[in-house]
Protein backbone atom coordinates (compact mmCIF):
# COMPACT_ATOMS: atom_id res chain seq x y z
CA MET A 1 -0.14 -0.07 -0.13
CA ALA A 2 3.22 2.55 0.76
CA PHE A 3 4.17 1.95 -2.68
CA ALA A 4 0.65 2.21 -4.25
CA ALA A 5 0.22 5.63 -2.43
CA ARG A 6 3.75 6.67 -3.18
CA ALA A 7 3.19 5.78 -6.82
CA ALA A 8 -0.40 7.93 -7.03
CA GLU A 9 1.62 10.60 -6.03
CA LEU A 10 4.17 9.98 -8.77
CA ARG A 11 1.22 10.41 -10.89
CA ALA A 12 -0.42 13.27 -9.20
CA GLN A 13 2.60 15.07 -10.81
CA GLY A 14 2.49 14.46 -14.45
CA HIS A 15 4.77 11.06 -13.92
CA ARG A 16 3.90 8.19 -15.89
CA VAL A 17 4.41 5.06 -13.86
CA VAL A 18 3.78 1.64 -14.81
CA ALA A 19 2.34 -0.34 -11.97
CA LEU A 20 3.61 -4.32 -12.22
CA SER A 21 2.77 -4.34 -8.48
CA LEU A 22 -0.92 -5.09 -8.28
CA GLY A 23 -2.21 -8.52 -8.93
CA GLU A 24 -5.50 -7.24 -11.11
CA PRO A 25 -5.78 -8.56 -14.36
CA ASP A 26 -5.46 -5.43 -16.95
CA GLU A 27 -8.85 -6.80 -19.00
CA GLY A 28 -12.14 -6.66 -16.70
CA ALA A 29 -15.44 -8.88 -17.03
CA PRO A 30 -16.17 -10.98 -20.24
CA PRO A 31 -18.76 -9.19 -22.49
CA ALA A 32 -21.29 -11.75 -21.48
CA VAL A 33 -21.07 -10.59 -18.02
CA LEU A 34 -21.30 -7.39 -18.03
CA ALA A 35 -24.41 -7.53 -20.33
CA ALA A 36 -26.08 -9.69 -18.21
CA LEU A 37 -25.53 -7.34 -15.09
CA ARG A 38 -26.85 -3.97 -17.14
CA GLU A 39 -30.15 -6.90 -18.05
CA VAL A 40 -30.32 -6.80 -14.18
CA THR A 41 -30.02 -3.09 -13.24
CA ASP A 42 -32.98 -2.40 -15.04
CA GLY A 43 -34.79 -1.35 -12.16
CA ARG A 44 -36.56 -4.32 -11.35
CA PRO A 45 -35.89 -4.94 -7.33
CA LEU A 46 -32.84 -6.64 -6.31
CA PRO A 47 -33.66 -8.66 -2.57
CA TYR A 48 -31.04 -9.76 -0.78
CA THR A 49 -30.16 -13.52 -1.91
CA PRO A 50 -30.09 -16.61 0.32
CA ALA A 51 -26.82 -15.93 2.95
CA LEU A 52 -24.71 -19.27 0.96
CA GLY A 53 -26.36 -17.26 -2.43
CA LEU A 54 -28.02 -17.70 -5.41
CA PRO A 55 -29.12 -21.52 -5.89
CA GLN A 56 -28.49 -21.53 -8.92
CA LEU A 57 -24.93 -19.67 -8.73
CA ARG A 58 -23.82 -22.65 -6.13
CA GLU A 59 -25.39 -24.89 -9.40
CA ALA A 60 -23.33 -23.57 -11.58
CA VAL A 61 -19.88 -23.47 -9.43
CA ALA A 62 -20.08 -27.35 -8.93
CA LEU A 63 -21.34 -28.11 -12.40
CA ARG A 64 -18.02 -25.93 -13.22
CA TYR A 65 -15.78 -28.41 -10.79
CA ARG A 66 -17.27 -31.76 -12.11
CA GLU A 67 -16.47 -30.68 -15.98
CA ARG A 68 -13.23 -28.52 -15.44
CA HIS A 69 -11.71 -30.55 -12.49
CA GLY A 70 -13.53 -34.31 -12.16
CA VAL A 71 -14.70 -33.47 -8.85
CA HIS A 72 -18.55 -34.08 -8.41
CA LEU A 73 -19.60 -31.73 -5.95
CA ASP A 74 -22.60 -31.77 -4.36
CA PRO A 75 -23.75 -27.47 -4.72
CA GLY A 76 -25.16 -27.71 -1.11
CA ARG A 77 -21.46 -27.27 0.51
CA VAL A 78 -21.27 -24.13 -2.55
CA VAL A 79 -21.28 -21.05 -0.28
CA ILE A 80 -21.26 -17.75 -2.21
CA THR A 81 -19.45 -14.86 -0.58
CA SER A 82 -18.20 -11.58 -1.22
CA GLY A 83 -14.91 -11.78 -2.59
CA ALA A 84 -12.00 -14.49 -1.95
CA SER A 85 -11.50 -12.58 1.54
CA ALA A 86 -15.17 -13.14 2.45
CA ALA A 87 -14.89 -16.96 1.74
CA LEU A 88 -10.97 -16.93 3.80
CA LEU A 89 -12.92 -15.40 6.76
CA LEU A 90 -15.97 -17.44 7.48
CA VAL A 91 -13.33 -20.57 6.35
CA LEU A 92 -10.94 -19.11 9.07
CA ALA A 93 -13.42 -18.38 11.75
CA LEU A 94 -15.15 -21.81 10.86
CA ALA A 95 -11.90 -23.61 11.97
CA LEU A 96 -10.14 -21.41 14.94
CA ASP A 97 -10.48 -20.55 18.05
CA PRO A 98 -8.49 -18.76 19.90
CA GLY A 99 -5.20 -19.89 20.73
CA ASP A 100 -4.83 -22.34 18.10
CA GLU A 101 -2.35 -22.57 15.21
CA VAL A 102 -2.78 -22.41 11.87
CA VAL A 103 0.52 -24.18 9.74
CA MET A 104 1.48 -21.71 6.36
CA ALA A 105 4.02 -20.92 4.34
CA ASP A 106 6.56 -18.36 4.43
CA PRO A 107 6.29 -16.64 1.58
CA SER A 108 2.62 -16.06 1.08
CA TYR A 109 -0.64 -13.50 0.93
CA PRO A 110 -0.57 -11.05 3.60
CA CYS A 111 -3.80 -11.09 4.44
CA ASN A 112 -4.23 -14.60 5.37
CA ARG A 113 -1.76 -14.13 8.61
CA GLN A 114 -3.89 -11.10 9.90
CA VAL A 115 -7.47 -12.60 9.80
CA VAL A 116 -5.85 -15.43 11.41
CA ARG A 117 -4.38 -13.17 13.86
CA ALA A 118 -7.61 -10.98 14.28
CA LEU A 119 -9.84 -14.69 15.33
CA GLY A 120 -6.89 -14.10 18.23
CA ALA A 121 -4.99 -17.41 16.50
CA ARG A 122 -1.36 -17.87 15.68
CA ALA A 123 -0.12 -17.84 12.42
CA VAL A 124 3.15 -20.47 11.72
CA GLU A 125 4.67 -19.30 9.04
CA VAL A 126 7.18 -22.25 7.71
CA PRO A 127 10.15 -20.61 5.66
CA THR A 128 10.23 -22.22 2.67
CA SER A 129 13.00 -22.18 -0.69
CA PRO A 130 13.13 -22.51 -4.42
CA ALA A 131 13.61 -26.52 -2.83
CA THR A 132 9.97 -26.71 -2.32
CA ARG A 133 8.85 -24.26 -4.87
CA TYR A 134 8.64 -21.89 -1.65
CA GLN A 135 5.19 -23.82 -1.03
CA LEU A 136 4.66 -25.64 2.09
CA SER A 137 5.65 -29.02 2.27
CA ALA A 138 4.13 -32.57 4.56
CA ALA A 139 7.23 -32.63 5.82
CA GLY A 140 7.45 -29.01 6.78
CA ALA A 141 4.55 -28.64 8.02
CA ALA A 142 4.88 -31.59 10.33
CA ALA A 143 8.38 -29.86 11.67
CA ALA A 144 5.97 -26.85 12.52
CA TRP A 145 3.34 -29.16 13.70
CA SER A 146 2.50 -28.68 17.98
CA PRO A 147 -0.62 -30.07 19.86
CA ARG A 148 -2.32 -26.66 19.26
CA THR A 149 -1.99 -26.85 15.68
CA ARG A 150 -5.55 -26.67 14.44
CA ALA A 151 -5.20 -26.17 10.03
CA VAL A 152 -2.69 -25.54 7.65
CA LEU A 153 -3.39 -23.19 5.01
CA VAL A 154 -1.71 -23.92 1.56
CA ALA A 155 -2.59 -21.68 -1.69
CA THR A 156 -1.96 -22.99 -4.79
CA PRO A 157 -1.12 -21.56 -6.98
CA SER A 158 0.49 -18.65 -4.60
CA ASN A 159 0.48 -15.27 -4.54
CA PRO A 160 3.35 -14.28 -4.37
CA THR A 161 5.45 -16.78 -5.81
CA GLY A 162 3.24 -17.79 -8.92
CA THR A 163 4.13 -21.25 -8.11
CA THR A 164 1.90 -24.43 -7.72
CA VAL A 165 2.65 -27.72 -5.19
CA PRO A 166 2.83 -31.10 -6.63
CA ALA A 167 -0.42 -32.84 -6.69
CA ALA A 168 1.08 -35.80 -4.82
CA GLU A 169 2.69 -33.33 -2.48
CA LEU A 170 -0.39 -31.86 -1.84
CA ALA A 171 -2.10 -35.02 -1.15
CA ALA A 172 0.61 -35.54 1.25
CA VAL A 173 0.13 -31.70 2.68
CA CYS A 174 -3.61 -32.95 2.79
CA ALA A 175 -2.93 -36.59 4.42
CA LEU A 176 -0.74 -35.26 7.91
CA ALA A 177 -3.17 -32.95 8.35
CA ARG A 178 -6.08 -35.32 8.38
CA GLU A 179 -4.05 -38.05 9.43
CA ARG A 180 -3.84 -35.37 13.33
CA GLY A 181 -7.34 -33.92 13.05
CA ALA A 182 -6.27 -30.52 11.82
CA TRP A 183 -8.44 -29.10 8.84
CA ARG A 184 -7.43 -28.50 5.40
CA LEU A 185 -8.16 -25.02 4.15
CA VAL A 186 -6.57 -24.86 0.05
CA ASP A 187 -6.80 -21.03 -1.75
CA GLU A 188 -7.30 -21.98 -5.36
CA ILE A 189 -7.84 -17.91 -6.54
CA TYR A 190 -5.54 -19.07 -9.15
CA LEU A 191 -6.22 -22.52 -9.65
CA ASP A 192 -7.86 -21.89 -13.80
CA LEU A 193 -4.56 -19.69 -14.28
CA ALA A 194 -2.49 -22.60 -13.50
CA ASP A 195 -0.73 -24.83 -16.37
CA PRO A 196 -2.15 -28.12 -17.44
CA VAL A 197 -0.38 -30.85 -16.13
CA GLY A 198 0.38 -33.80 -18.60
CA GLY A 199 -1.95 -32.42 -21.14
CA GLU A 200 -4.70 -32.03 -18.46
CA PRO A 201 -6.45 -29.00 -16.51
CA PRO A 202 -5.02 -28.14 -13.06
CA ARG A 203 -6.21 -30.65 -10.10
CA SER A 204 -8.25 -29.05 -7.41
CA ALA A 205 -7.60 -30.00 -3.75
CA LEU A 206 -11.13 -31.84 -3.55
CA ALA A 207 -9.92 -34.07 -5.97
CA VAL A 208 -7.43 -35.29 -3.52
CA ASP A 209 -9.08 -34.64 0.17
CA ASP A 210 -12.85 -34.71 -0.15
CA GLY A 211 -13.14 -33.12 3.41
CA ALA A 212 -10.80 -30.32 2.54
CA VAL A 213 -12.40 -26.59 2.62
CA VAL A 214 -11.33 -24.70 -0.62
CA ILE A 215 -11.56 -20.81 -1.49
CA GLY A 216 -12.77 -20.16 -5.14
CA SER A 217 -12.88 -16.32 -6.92
CA PHE A 218 -14.65 -14.84 -9.75
CA SER A 219 -11.67 -11.96 -9.55
CA LYS A 220 -8.50 -13.21 -10.76
CA HIS A 221 -9.29 -16.49 -14.02
CA THR A 222 -12.46 -14.14 -14.73
CA GLY A 223 -11.26 -10.51 -14.29
CA MET A 224 -13.85 -9.41 -12.07
CA THR A 225 -12.15 -8.26 -9.29
CA GLY A 226 -13.80 -5.11 -7.68
CA TRP A 227 -17.48 -6.80 -8.12
CA ARG A 228 -16.12 -8.55 -4.91
CA LEU A 229 -17.45 -12.19 -5.44
CA GLY A 230 -15.93 -15.23 -4.64
CA TRP A 231 -16.59 -18.86 -3.04
CA CYS A 232 -15.58 -21.84 -0.43
CA VAL A 233 -16.49 -25.07 -0.55
CA VAL A 234 -17.33 -26.58 3.02
CA PRO A 235 -17.87 -30.23 4.11
CA GLU A 236 -21.46 -31.09 4.48
CA GLY A 237 -21.57 -30.96 8.14
CA ALA A 238 -19.89 -27.26 8.59
CA VAL A 239 -23.10 -25.84 5.99
CA ASP A 240 -25.14 -24.85 8.86
CA ALA A 241 -22.34 -23.17 10.72
CA VAL A 242 -21.28 -21.14 7.56
CA GLU A 243 -24.45 -19.91 6.87
CA ARG A 244 -24.85 -19.15 10.35
CA MET A 245 -21.78 -16.59 10.50
CA ALA A 246 -22.24 -15.82 6.65
CA SER A 247 -25.67 -14.32 7.56
CA ASN A 248 -24.28 -12.49 10.66
CA PHE A 249 -20.74 -11.27 8.63
CA PHE A 250 -22.65 -9.87 5.15
CA ILE A 251 -25.71 -10.69 5.17
CA CYS A 252 -25.00 -12.15 1.51
CA ALA A 253 -22.65 -11.30 -1.65
CA SER A 254 -24.07 -8.57 -4.31
CA THR A 255 -27.29 -9.55 -5.71
CA PRO A 256 -26.75 -8.09 -8.85
CA ALA A 257 -23.03 -9.35 -9.23
CA GLN A 258 -24.35 -12.72 -8.19
CA HIS A 259 -26.71 -12.65 -11.15
CA ALA A 260 -24.42 -11.31 -13.30
CA ALA A 261 -22.06 -13.89 -12.65
CA LEU A 262 -24.10 -16.72 -13.69
CA ALA A 263 -23.18 -15.41 -17.65
CA ALA A 264 -19.16 -16.13 -16.48
CA PHE A 265 -20.28 -19.98 -17.61
CA THR A 266 -21.77 -19.31 -20.55
CA PRO A 267 -19.08 -21.10 -23.68
CA SER A 268 -17.96 -17.94 -25.05
CA SER A 269 -17.27 -16.30 -21.47
CA LEU A 270 -15.22 -19.60 -20.80
CA ALA A 271 -13.96 -19.35 -24.25
CA LEU A 272 -12.59 -15.56 -23.74
CA VAL A 273 -11.05 -16.41 -20.03
CA GLU A 274 -9.51 -19.60 -21.86
CA GLN A 275 -7.92 -17.25 -24.27
CA ARG A 276 -6.54 -15.14 -21.55
CA ARG A 277 -4.71 -17.71 -19.55
CA LEU A 278 -3.29 -18.25 -22.77
CA ASP A 279 -2.49 -14.57 -23.53
CA LEU A 280 -1.04 -14.54 -20.23
CA LEU A 281 1.81 -17.06 -21.06
CA ALA A 282 2.91 -14.42 -23.27
CA ARG A 283 3.46 -12.32 -20.96
CA ARG A 284 5.18 -14.59 -18.74
CA ALA A 285 7.56 -15.83 -21.19
CA LEU A 286 8.60 -11.48 -21.44
CA ALA A 287 8.49 -11.22 -17.90
CA LEU A 288 11.04 -14.01 -17.14
CA GLU A 289 12.93 -13.11 -20.50
CA GLY A 290 12.88 -9.20 -19.33
CA LEU A 291 14.32 -10.16 -15.36
CA ALA A 292 16.89 -12.53 -17.02
CA ALA A 293 18.13 -8.94 -19.27
CA ALA A 294 18.16 -6.90 -16.28
CA GLY A 295 20.31 -9.94 -14.00
CA LEU A 296 17.42 -10.77 -11.74
CA GLU A 297 17.69 -14.40 -11.24
CA VAL A 298 13.61 -16.02 -10.67
CA PRO A 299 14.37 -18.98 -8.63
CA VAL A 300 11.53 -21.18 -9.31
CA PRO A 301 9.48 -20.08 -12.41
CA PRO A 302 6.17 -19.45 -11.70
CA ASP A 303 3.16 -21.73 -12.99
CA GLY A 304 0.12 -20.51 -12.17
CA ALA A 305 -1.32 -17.10 -11.44
CA PHE A 306 0.34 -14.20 -12.96
CA TYR A 307 3.30 -13.15 -10.84
CA ALA A 308 7.22 -13.72 -10.76
CA TYR A 309 9.27 -13.38 -7.38
CA ALA A 310 12.73 -12.10 -8.51
CA ASP A 311 16.13 -12.44 -5.78
CA VAL A 312 17.81 -8.97 -5.84
CA SER A 313 19.84 -10.16 -3.68
CA GLY A 314 23.03 -9.80 -5.79
CA THR A 315 22.36 -6.27 -6.73
CA GLY A 316 23.31 -5.38 -3.61
CA LEU A 317 20.01 -3.87 -2.87
CA GLY A 318 17.67 -5.01 0.05
CA ALA A 319 14.28 -5.58 -1.48
CA TRP A 320 12.68 -2.39 0.33
CA GLU A 321 15.41 0.30 -1.25
CA PHE A 322 15.47 -1.66 -4.42
CA CYS A 323 11.73 -1.02 -5.10
CA GLU A 324 12.08 2.28 -3.73
CA ARG A 325 14.84 3.34 -5.87
CA LEU A 326 13.19 1.82 -8.87
CA LEU A 327 10.21 3.69 -8.37
CA ALA A 328 11.86 6.89 -7.57
CA GLU A 329 14.28 6.91 -10.27
CA GLN A 330 12.48 4.87 -13.22
CA HIS A 331 9.33 5.18 -12.04
CA VAL A 332 7.75 1.37 -11.95
CA ALA A 333 6.65 -0.19 -9.05
CA LEU A 334 7.30 -3.67 -7.67
CA THR A 335 6.52 -5.18 -4.53
CA PRO A 336 8.71 -5.98 -2.16
CA GLY A 337 9.23 -9.15 -0.42
CA ARG A 338 8.78 -8.15 3.48
CA ASP A 339 4.60 -8.03 2.33
CA PHE A 340 4.80 -11.94 1.91
CA GLY A 341 7.38 -12.90 4.88
CA ALA A 342 10.46 -13.10 6.72
CA THR A 343 12.05 -15.53 4.84
CA THR A 344 12.65 -13.17 1.56
CA ALA A 345 11.52 -9.94 2.79
CA GLU A 346 15.01 -8.41 2.07
CA THR A 347 16.30 -10.64 -0.94
CA HIS A 348 12.94 -10.79 -3.35
CA VAL A 349 10.81 -8.21 -5.55
CA ARG A 350 7.10 -9.63 -6.72
CA LEU A 351 6.79 -8.73 -10.22
CA SER A 352 2.82 -8.80 -11.65
CA TYR A 353 2.60 -9.75 -15.34
CA ALA A 354 -1.02 -9.46 -15.38
CA ALA A 355 -0.34 -5.53 -16.82
CA SER A 356 -0.71 -5.10 -20.39
CA PRO A 357 1.96 -6.29 -22.81
CA ALA A 358 2.74 -2.45 -23.87
CA GLU A 359 2.81 -1.62 -19.95
CA LEU A 360 4.66 -5.00 -19.20
CA ALA A 361 7.26 -4.31 -22.28
CA GLU A 362 8.04 -0.78 -21.41
CA GLY A 363 8.32 -1.39 -17.23
CA LEU A 364 10.98 -4.57 -18.09
CA GLU A 365 12.63 -1.86 -19.99
CA ARG A 366 12.53 0.56 -17.34
CA LEU A 367 13.66 -2.01 -14.59
CA GLY A 368 16.84 -3.30 -17.05
CA ARG A 369 17.94 0.53 -17.27
CA PHE A 370 17.91 0.65 -13.88
CA THR A 371 20.03 -2.20 -12.41
CA ARG A 372 22.39 -1.12 -15.54
CA GLY A 373 22.95 1.81 -13.51
CA LEU A 374 23.26 -0.15 -10.53
CA GLY A 375 26.30 -2.11 -11.79
CA ALA A 376 27.96 1.18 -13.29
CA GLY A 377 28.09 2.73 -9.69
CA ARG A 378 29.24 -0.45 -8.33
CA GLY A 379 31.96 -0.21 -10.85
């Protein structure tokens, strides 16, 4: 947020800032979704939906799991939420009591640990490395386990690294937690942006552990960030508790957004977002090439999401100073590793390649100019 504020100041001063810091697709909702929104906002009443969401939208999400991921899912287990953030709050509130512990990877999405702490529990952040793809492993989870461990929280693909957990390792993490009576919470908001495996779509955690709780979103894959619409899938026995919490916390997700989101599952919308996924592969290649040209290593190339996590330790600058100077001198915004945990706080920065190809190319050219200047200064 500090860098976003500084970037806004620079723009107000008339500078052209290239923002490669935001985890937001440059293209918005599919045309069919926009058309559906215009239709539903024609003056008709838009009352609250059920707390668990529109039944037809819950059915559409369940159908998508079956058709895309081969998971036969009861729509009654799907809960429509006000974005993945609301889903995260619900599933953590479901799983935790004050004093409980949640095992998660470091680095990871910062809001995960903040919600855990807000609920009076403790986030146990396990240092990761390129050897584990910056992801939580079963061995790492076992080493961090304590009598107070109540859940493991995994994100695959991950923010900030863009890496996935291999299916066998994910199954091992889930099996460990299940055998020890703990919740398995899996953030899958980038799942449909992940690379196919063996020619097949990436697998949901539900394919390896039907009792896991998963979180999904319309934001990243469908380009509906500001619509604030997501979902979670919970075990059948937890639905009543989640419904009571959802009703008290949020009443329901946005009614017009829910109606419009039904159009995200039309053939035209699904074809469009799949083409956008393929377009992101070209941007990924551009980003990795540009980072390499700038002398910055990406220890684990991303295979999902739209992030590259680059090691800047060879520049002689810490990650925070690197980002400060890059923004001040070349007007390019990246995100320093401090946002994502202690392990890579001063050595890594996150680049988002969700920006347009033109913006991405310009930002990478400026980045290369900046690092070359650092090299000349050290010489």
